[in-house]
C-alpha atoms as a PDB file:
ATOM      1  CA  MET A   1      89.582 -48.945 -18.953  1.00  0.00           C
ATOM      2  CA  GLY A   2      91.336 -52.314 -19.050  1.00  0.00           C
ATOM      3  CA  GLN A   3      92.509 -51.629 -22.609  1.00  0.00           C
ATOM      4  CA  PHE A   4      94.551 -48.637 -21.442  1.00  0.00           C
ATOM      5  CA  CYS A   5      97.898 -49.517 -19.931  1.00  0.00           C
ATOM      6  CA  GLU A   6      98.940 -47.212 -17.082  1.00  0.00           C
ATOM      7  CA  GLN A   7     102.621 -47.868 -17.783  1.00  0.00           C
ATOM      8  CA  THR A   8     102.193 -47.057 -21.464  1.00  0.00           C
ATOM      9  CA  HIS A   9     100.456 -43.731 -20.992  1.00  0.00           C
ATOM     10  CA  THR A  10     102.939 -42.525 -18.432  1.00  0.00           C
ATOM     11  CA  ARG A  11     105.775 -42.886 -20.950  1.00  0.00           C
ATOM     12  CA  TRP A  12     104.688 -39.874 -23.018  1.00  0.00           C
ATOM     13  CA  LEU A  13     103.547 -37.953 -19.956  1.00  0.00           C
ATOM     14  CA  GLU A  14     106.948 -38.518 -18.340  1.00  0.00           C
ATOM     15  CA  VAL A  15     108.602 -37.266 -21.534  1.00  0.00           C
ATOM     16  CA  ALA A  16     106.378 -34.166 -21.481  1.00  0.00           C
ATOM     17  CA  PHE A  17     107.038 -33.496 -17.778  1.00  0.00           C
ATOM     18  CA  GLY A  18     110.764 -33.725 -18.507  1.00  0.00           C
ATOM     19  CA  GLU A  19     110.397 -30.631 -20.707  1.00  0.00           C
ATOM     20  CA  LEU A  20     108.819 -28.406 -18.035  1.00  0.00           C
ATOM     21  CA  GLY A  21     110.095 -24.837 -18.258  1.00  0.00           C
ATOM     22  CA  ILE A  22     111.234 -24.961 -21.893  1.00  0.00           C
ATOM     23  CA  ALA A  23     110.251 -21.497 -23.130  1.00  0.00           C
ATOM     24  CA  ALA A  24     110.189 -19.454 -26.307  1.00  0.00           C
ATOM     25  CA  HIS A  25     113.046 -16.971 -26.669  1.00  0.00           C
ATOM     26  CA  PRO A  26     112.472 -13.241 -27.092  1.00  0.00           C
ATOM     27  CA  ALA A  27     112.119 -11.754 -30.576  1.00  0.00           C
ATOM     28  CA  GLY A  28     115.339 -11.991 -32.570  1.00  0.00           C
ATOM     29  CA  SER A  29     116.266 -15.469 -31.355  1.00  0.00           C
ATOM     30  CA  SER A  30     114.693 -18.916 -31.192  1.00  0.00           C
ATOM     31  CA  ASN A  31     114.897 -21.738 -28.689  1.00  0.00           C
ATOM     32  CA  PRO A  32     116.421 -24.693 -30.572  1.00  0.00           C
ATOM     33  CA  ARG A  33     114.610 -27.125 -28.282  1.00  0.00           C
ATOM     34  CA  ILE A  34     111.245 -25.820 -29.497  1.00  0.00           C
ATOM     35  CA  THR A  35     112.485 -25.918 -33.079  1.00  0.00           C
ATOM     36  CA  SER A  36     113.218 -29.622 -32.499  1.00  0.00           C
ATOM     37  CA  TYR A  37     109.568 -30.194 -31.515  1.00  0.00           C
ATOM     38  CA  HIS A  38     108.587 -29.200 -35.078  1.00  0.00           C
ATOM     39  CA  VAL A  39     110.706 -31.998 -36.639  1.00  0.00           C
ATOM     40  CA  GLY A  40     108.366 -34.519 -38.217  1.00  0.00           C
ATOM     41  CA  THR A  41     105.476 -32.057 -38.512  1.00  0.00           C
ATOM     42  CA  ASN A  42     104.337 -29.936 -41.426  1.00  0.00           C
ATOM     43  CA  ILE A  43     106.203 -26.933 -39.972  1.00  0.00           C
ATOM     44  CA  GLU A  44     109.607 -28.563 -39.628  1.00  0.00           C
ATOM     45  CA  GLY A  45     112.254 -25.821 -39.778  1.00  0.00           C
ATOM     46  CA  TYR A  46     110.050 -23.122 -38.242  1.00  0.00           C
ATOM     47  CA  ASP A  47     111.254 -21.241 -35.179  1.00  0.00           C
ATOM     48  CA  ASP A  48     109.659 -20.902 -31.746  1.00  0.00           C
ATOM     49  CA  LYS A  49     107.412 -18.045 -32.918  1.00  0.00           C
ATOM     50  CA  ALA A  50     105.120 -20.503 -34.752  1.00  0.00           C
ATOM     51  CA  SER A  51     102.353 -22.048 -32.656  1.00  0.00           C
ATOM     52  CA  TRP A  52     103.919 -25.152 -31.172  1.00  0.00           C
ATOM     53  CA  CYS A  53     101.367 -26.870 -28.915  1.00  0.00           C
ATOM     54  CA  SER A  54     100.673 -29.613 -31.479  1.00  0.00           C
ATOM     55  CA  SER A  55     104.361 -29.975 -32.334  1.00  0.00           C
ATOM     56  CA  PHE A  56     105.057 -30.570 -28.632  1.00  0.00           C
ATOM     57  CA  VAL A  57     102.353 -33.247 -28.320  1.00  0.00           C
ATOM     58  CA  ASN A  58     103.647 -34.938 -31.504  1.00  0.00           C
ATOM     59  CA  TRP A  59     107.235 -34.814 -30.203  1.00  0.00           C
ATOM     60  CA  SER A  60     106.318 -36.175 -26.750  1.00  0.00           C
ATOM     61  CA  LEU A  61     104.390 -39.108 -28.195  1.00  0.00           C
ATOM     62  CA  THR A  62     107.132 -39.873 -30.723  1.00  0.00           C
ATOM     63  CA  GLN A  63     109.767 -39.931 -27.965  1.00  0.00           C
ATOM     64  CA  ALA A  64     107.635 -42.539 -26.200  1.00  0.00           C
ATOM     65  CA  GLY A  65     107.276 -44.696 -29.324  1.00  0.00           C
ATOM     66  CA  PHE A  66     103.837 -43.569 -30.497  1.00  0.00           C
ATOM     67  CA  SER A  67     102.762 -41.898 -33.715  1.00  0.00           C
ATOM     68  CA  GLY A  68     101.103 -38.500 -33.638  1.00  0.00           C
ATOM     69  CA  THR A  69      99.390 -36.543 -36.388  1.00  0.00           C
ATOM     70  CA  ALA A  70     102.556 -35.067 -37.983  1.00  0.00           C
ATOM     71  CA  SER A  71     100.616 -31.791 -38.114  1.00  0.00           C
ATOM     72  CA  ALA A  72     101.128 -28.529 -36.280  1.00  0.00           C
ATOM     73  CA  LEU A  73      97.378 -27.878 -36.290  1.00  0.00           C
ATOM     74  CA  ALA A  74      95.844 -28.517 -32.877  1.00  0.00           C
ATOM     75  CA  ARG A  75      92.587 -29.693 -34.406  1.00  0.00           C
ATOM     76  CA  SER A  76      94.420 -32.402 -36.358  1.00  0.00           C
ATOM     77  CA  TRP A  77      94.113 -34.408 -33.139  1.00  0.00           C
ATOM     78  CA  LEU A  78      90.314 -34.531 -33.402  1.00  0.00           C
ATOM     79  CA  HIS A  79      90.489 -37.666 -35.581  1.00  0.00           C
ATOM     80  CA  TRP A  80      93.692 -39.217 -34.219  1.00  0.00           C
ATOM     81  CA  GLY A  81      93.681 -42.330 -32.097  1.00  0.00           C
ATOM     82  CA  GLN A  82      90.491 -43.334 -30.382  1.00  0.00           C
ATOM     83  CA  ALA A  83      87.826 -41.083 -28.857  1.00  0.00           C
ATOM     84  CA  LEU A  84      87.258 -41.133 -25.110  1.00  0.00           C
ATOM     85  CA  GLU A  85      83.952 -40.216 -23.534  1.00  0.00           C
ATOM     86  CA  ASP A  86      85.654 -39.458 -20.239  1.00  0.00           C
ATOM     87  CA  PRO A  87      89.214 -38.188 -19.912  1.00  0.00           C
ATOM     88  CA  ILE A  88      92.042 -40.315 -18.552  1.00  0.00           C
ATOM     89  CA  PRO A  89      95.148 -38.645 -17.148  1.00  0.00           C
ATOM     90  CA  GLY A  90      97.638 -38.422 -20.005  1.00  0.00           C
ATOM     91  CA  CYS A  91      95.063 -38.409 -22.792  1.00  0.00           C
ATOM     92  CA  VAL A  92      95.245 -35.777 -25.511  1.00  0.00           C
ATOM     93  CA  ALA A  93      92.749 -32.965 -24.960  1.00  0.00           C
ATOM     94  CA  VAL A  94      91.715 -30.886 -27.980  1.00  0.00           C
ATOM     95  CA  LEU A  95      90.296 -27.424 -27.334  1.00  0.00           C
ATOM     96  CA  TRP A  96      88.807 -24.726 -29.531  1.00  0.00           C
ATOM     97  CA  ARG A  97      90.319 -21.252 -29.656  1.00  0.00           C
ATOM     98  CA  ASP A  98      88.597 -17.975 -30.619  1.00  0.00           C
ATOM     99  CA  ASP A  99      85.417 -19.746 -31.776  1.00  0.00           C
ATOM    100  CA  PRO A 100      84.215 -23.375 -31.585  1.00  0.00           C
ATOM    101  CA  ALA A 101      83.708 -23.427 -35.373  1.00  0.00           C
ATOM    102  CA  SER A 102      87.129 -21.911 -36.148  1.00  0.00           C
ATOM    103  CA  TRP A 103      90.083 -23.932 -37.468  1.00  0.00           C
ATOM    104  CA  LYS A 104      92.092 -22.646 -34.493  1.00  0.00           C
ATOM    105  CA  GLY A 105      92.620 -24.703 -31.397  1.00  0.00           C
ATOM    106  CA  HIS A 106      94.928 -25.858 -28.650  1.00  0.00           C
ATOM    107  CA  VAL A 107      96.100 -29.311 -27.629  1.00  0.00           C
ATOM    108  CA  GLY A 108      97.787 -30.722 -24.553  1.00  0.00           C
ATOM    109  CA  PHE A 109      97.865 -33.662 -22.168  1.00  0.00           C
ATOM    110  CA  TYR A 110      94.976 -33.895 -19.724  1.00  0.00           C
ATOM    111  CA  LEU A 111      96.008 -33.972 -16.064  1.00  0.00           C
ATOM    112  CA  ARG A 112      92.826 -33.335 -14.079  1.00  0.00           C
ATOM    113  CA  GLU A 113      89.760 -31.123 -13.843  1.00  0.00           C
ATOM    114  CA  ASP A 114      87.580 -29.341 -11.360  1.00  0.00           C
ATOM    115  CA  GLU A 115      84.092 -27.894 -11.710  1.00  0.00           C
ATOM    116  CA  GLU A 116      85.269 -25.054 -13.975  1.00  0.00           C
ATOM    117  CA  PHE A 117      88.563 -25.979 -15.577  1.00  0.00           C
ATOM    118  CA  VAL A 118      90.606 -28.712 -17.215  1.00  0.00           C
ATOM    119  CA  TYR A 119      94.296 -28.712 -16.371  1.00  0.00           C
ATOM    120  CA  LEU A 120      96.678 -29.603 -19.174  1.00  0.00           C
ATOM    121  CA  LEU A 121     100.387 -30.174 -19.488  1.00  0.00           C
ATOM    122  CA  GLY A 122     101.424 -28.793 -22.833  1.00  0.00           C
ATOM    123  CA  GLY A 123     103.686 -26.702 -24.971  1.00  0.00           C
ATOM    124  CA  ASN A 124     103.076 -23.073 -25.858  1.00  0.00           C
ATOM    125  CA  GLN A 125     101.022 -22.568 -22.721  1.00  0.00           C
ATOM    126  CA  LEU A 126     101.863 -18.971 -21.826  1.00  0.00           C
ATOM    127  CA  GLY A 127     104.928 -19.379 -24.045  1.00  0.00           C
ATOM    128  CA  GLN A 128     106.395 -22.438 -22.371  1.00  0.00           C
ATOM    129  CA  VAL A 129     105.981 -26.087 -21.464  1.00  0.00           C
ATOM    130  CA  ARG A 130     103.909 -25.925 -18.329  1.00  0.00           C
ATOM    131  CA  GLU A 131     100.668 -26.864 -16.672  1.00  0.00           C
ATOM    132  CA  HIS A 132      97.818 -24.479 -17.379  1.00  0.00           C
ATOM    133  CA  PHE A 133      94.044 -24.430 -16.984  1.00  0.00           C
ATOM    134  CA  TYR A 134      91.279 -23.865 -19.535  1.00  0.00           C
ATOM    135  CA  PRO A 135      87.487 -23.634 -19.212  1.00  0.00           C
ATOM    136  CA  ARG A 136      85.931 -27.098 -19.489  1.00  0.00           C
ATOM    137  CA  ALA A 137      83.516 -25.774 -22.114  1.00  0.00           C
ATOM    138  CA  MET A 138      86.443 -25.291 -24.535  1.00  0.00           C
ATOM    139  CA  VAL A 139      87.147 -29.036 -24.768  1.00  0.00           C
ATOM    140  CA  LEU A 140      86.223 -30.508 -28.146  1.00  0.00           C
ATOM    141  CA  ALA A 141      87.549 -34.032 -27.610  1.00  0.00           C
ATOM    142  CA  TYR A 142      89.684 -36.371 -25.568  1.00  0.00           C
ATOM    143  CA  ARG A 143      91.781 -38.838 -27.583  1.00  0.00           C
ATOM    144  CA  TRP A 144      93.943 -41.863 -26.786  1.00  0.00           C
ATOM    145  CA  PRO A 145      96.546 -43.568 -29.004  1.00  0.00           C
ATOM    146  CA  ILE A 146      95.538 -46.832 -30.587  1.00  0.00           C
ATOM    147  CA  GLY A 147      98.958 -48.378 -29.983  1.00  0.00           C
ATOM    148  CA  PRO A 148     102.707 -47.857 -30.256  1.00  0.00           C
ATOM    149  CA  SER A 149     104.016 -46.937 -33.675  1.00  0.00           C
ATOM    150  CA  GLN A 150     105.325 -49.731 -35.841  1.00  0.00           C
ATOM    151  CA  ASN A 151     108.314 -47.722 -37.107  1.00  0.00           C
END
């Protein structure tokens, strides 16, 4: 674990925690903050009705000086950064949705786990930025950035 800098990983997690409570607006309007999460992804310009978990992870990492996947697909994170065998708080957790073989998924920042669940901080978790839990069996991968972006 010596290659992972505690101070570095907390930068994007602190950014993400700073967004707690940001929520999608009801039908007929859109939260401009969520729309801003899409900037730099392949769904830039979409409203808060589009799935935005990956956009939020991309945005949080970018704010902390790291490059994401630039994709709104949760499973785009499966090949990003470096694979971790065991999760580290702040790592990106990629989960399947509907079916493990489906293209659908969910992504968020790993916080902790217990015997049954992983607890993630993420966007579009029950319609907002919040902590939420998912069955451990849904985890496809844990990923860590290779280094800060060179932009």
